[in-house]
């Protein structure tokens, strides 16, 4: 994203990053009988942290560029907070992961709606 990219491009990129995050997140987790184990020192986990940091940096620029979209910015902030809290732990309950998945799904649906609205104006 740069200062000249159209909104639809920025939304599509953010949606892609969120979808990529959920796939990468599941690749670092190991399932047990009653929770997920997250090895915080594994190479996959470090790459996941890099992706989360990249998304956070992207979102920072997005919030500056689209400062008028408070609702979406708040939703993204909540999502990132939940992501940091969840993947900063070495044990993740099934309930916590399910809640995070729903938050991710809700955010990607909001982004898809925004993207479709942007495309319909072309």
Protein backbone atom coordinates (compact mmCIF):
# COMPACT_ATOMS: atom_id res chain seq x y z
CA UNK A 1 0.00 0.00 0.00
CA UNK A 2 1.19 3.45 -0.79
CA UNK A 3 -0.40 6.86 -0.77
CA UNK A 4 -1.55 6.50 -4.39
CA UNK A 5 -3.01 2.99 -4.35
CA UNK A 6 -6.80 2.86 -4.71
CA UNK A 7 -8.91 1.86 -1.74
CA UNK A 8 -10.09 -1.35 -3.42
CA UNK A 9 -6.46 -2.45 -3.79
CA UNK A 10 -5.69 -1.70 -0.13
CA UNK A 11 -8.81 -3.55 1.04
CA UNK A 12 -7.99 -6.55 -1.16
CA UNK A 13 -4.45 -6.67 0.21
CA UNK A 14 -5.65 -6.47 3.81
CA UNK A 15 -8.20 -9.22 3.16
CA UNK A 16 -5.49 -11.39 1.62
CA UNK A 17 -3.22 -10.83 4.63
CA UNK A 18 -5.97 -11.81 7.08
CA UNK A 19 -6.79 -14.95 5.08
CA UNK A 20 -3.10 -15.83 4.89
CA UNK A 21 -2.74 -15.30 8.64
CA UNK A 22 -5.37 -17.88 9.51
CA UNK A 23 -3.69 -20.50 7.30
CA UNK A 24 -0.25 -19.76 8.73
CA UNK A 25 -1.63 -19.78 12.27
CA UNK A 26 -2.95 -23.31 11.96
CA UNK A 27 0.37 -24.50 10.57
CA UNK A 28 2.17 -23.58 13.83
CA UNK A 29 -0.29 -25.28 16.18
CA UNK A 30 -0.18 -28.86 17.41
CA UNK A 31 -3.43 -30.34 18.66
CA UNK A 32 -3.74 -32.27 21.91
CA UNK A 33 -6.84 -33.79 23.48
CA UNK A 34 -8.04 -30.59 25.14
CA UNK A 35 -6.07 -27.65 23.69
CA UNK A 36 -3.63 -26.52 21.04
CA UNK A 37 0.11 -26.27 21.72
CA UNK A 38 2.04 -23.39 20.22
CA UNK A 39 5.84 -23.72 20.22
CA UNK A 40 6.83 -20.08 20.52
CA UNK A 41 10.43 -20.81 19.53
CA UNK A 42 9.79 -22.76 16.33
CA UNK A 43 10.79 -21.37 12.96
CA UNK A 44 7.15 -21.45 11.82
CA UNK A 45 6.13 -19.46 14.88
CA UNK A 46 8.79 -16.85 14.19
CA UNK A 47 7.53 -16.53 10.60
CA UNK A 48 3.98 -16.19 11.94
CA UNK A 49 5.17 -13.36 14.20
CA UNK A 50 6.76 -11.66 11.19
CA UNK A 51 3.46 -11.93 9.31
CA UNK A 52 1.57 -10.49 12.28
CA UNK A 53 4.07 -7.60 12.48
CA UNK A 54 3.71 -7.02 8.72
CA UNK A 55 -0.07 -6.89 9.07
CA UNK A 56 0.24 -4.48 12.01
CA UNK A 57 2.49 -2.18 9.96
CA UNK A 58 0.10 -2.38 7.01
CA UNK A 59 -2.84 -1.57 9.29
CA UNK A 60 -0.98 1.42 10.73
CA UNK A 61 -0.62 2.88 7.24
CA UNK A 62 -4.21 1.94 6.42
CA UNK A 63 -5.52 3.78 9.49
CA UNK A 64 -3.54 6.89 8.58
CA UNK A 65 -4.65 6.81 4.95
CA UNK A 66 -8.30 6.09 5.77
CA UNK A 67 -8.68 7.94 9.06
CA UNK A 68 -12.37 8.56 8.33
CA UNK A 69 -13.20 4.83 8.60
CA UNK A 70 -13.29 4.52 12.39
CA UNK A 71 -15.50 1.41 12.51
CA UNK A 72 -13.23 -0.68 10.29
CA UNK A 73 -10.12 0.57 12.08
CA UNK A 74 -11.59 -0.42 15.44
CA UNK A 75 -12.53 -3.86 14.14
CA UNK A 76 -9.00 -4.37 12.79
CA UNK A 77 -7.44 -3.18 16.07
CA UNK A 78 -9.57 -5.62 18.05
CA UNK A 79 -8.61 -8.42 15.68
CA UNK A 80 -4.89 -7.66 16.01
CA UNK A 81 -5.14 -7.43 19.80
CA UNK A 82 -6.87 -10.79 19.92
CA UNK A 83 -4.25 -12.26 17.56
CA UNK A 84 -1.33 -10.98 19.66
CA UNK A 85 -2.90 -12.28 22.86
CA UNK A 86 -3.72 -15.67 21.40
CA UNK A 87 -0.43 -16.41 19.67
CA UNK A 88 1.68 -14.98 22.47
CA UNK A 89 0.67 -18.00 24.52
CA UNK A 90 2.06 -21.53 24.34
CA UNK A 91 -1.34 -23.12 25.05
CA UNK A 92 -4.53 -22.15 23.26
CA UNK A 93 -7.91 -23.54 24.20
CA UNK A 94 -10.31 -24.77 21.56
CA UNK A 95 -12.77 -22.06 22.63
CA UNK A 96 -10.18 -19.29 22.26
CA UNK A 97 -9.17 -20.50 18.82
CA UNK A 98 -12.78 -20.83 17.68
CA UNK A 99 -13.51 -17.28 18.87
CA UNK A 100 -10.47 -15.97 16.98
CA UNK A 101 -11.53 -17.85 13.83
CA UNK A 102 -14.96 -16.21 14.04
CA UNK A 103 -13.35 -12.79 14.47
CA UNK A 104 -11.15 -13.48 11.45
CA UNK A 105 -14.13 -14.63 9.41
CA UNK A 106 -16.15 -11.56 10.42
CA UNK A 107 -13.31 -9.22 9.49
CA UNK A 108 -12.75 -10.87 6.10
CA UNK A 109 -16.50 -10.67 5.40
CA UNK A 110 -16.51 -6.96 6.27
CA UNK A 111 -13.49 -6.44 4.01
CA UNK A 112 -15.16 -8.41 1.21
CA UNK A 113 -18.29 -6.27 1.54
CA UNK A 114 -16.17 -3.10 1.46
CA UNK A 115 -14.26 -4.42 -1.56
CA UNK A 116 -17.47 -5.25 -3.43
CA UNK A 117 -18.84 -1.79 -2.63
CA UNK A 118 -15.63 -0.20 -3.97
CA UNK A 119 -15.76 -2.29 -7.14
CA UNK A 120 -19.42 -1.46 -7.78
CA UNK A 121 -18.51 2.25 -7.95
CA UNK A 122 -16.18 1.69 -10.89
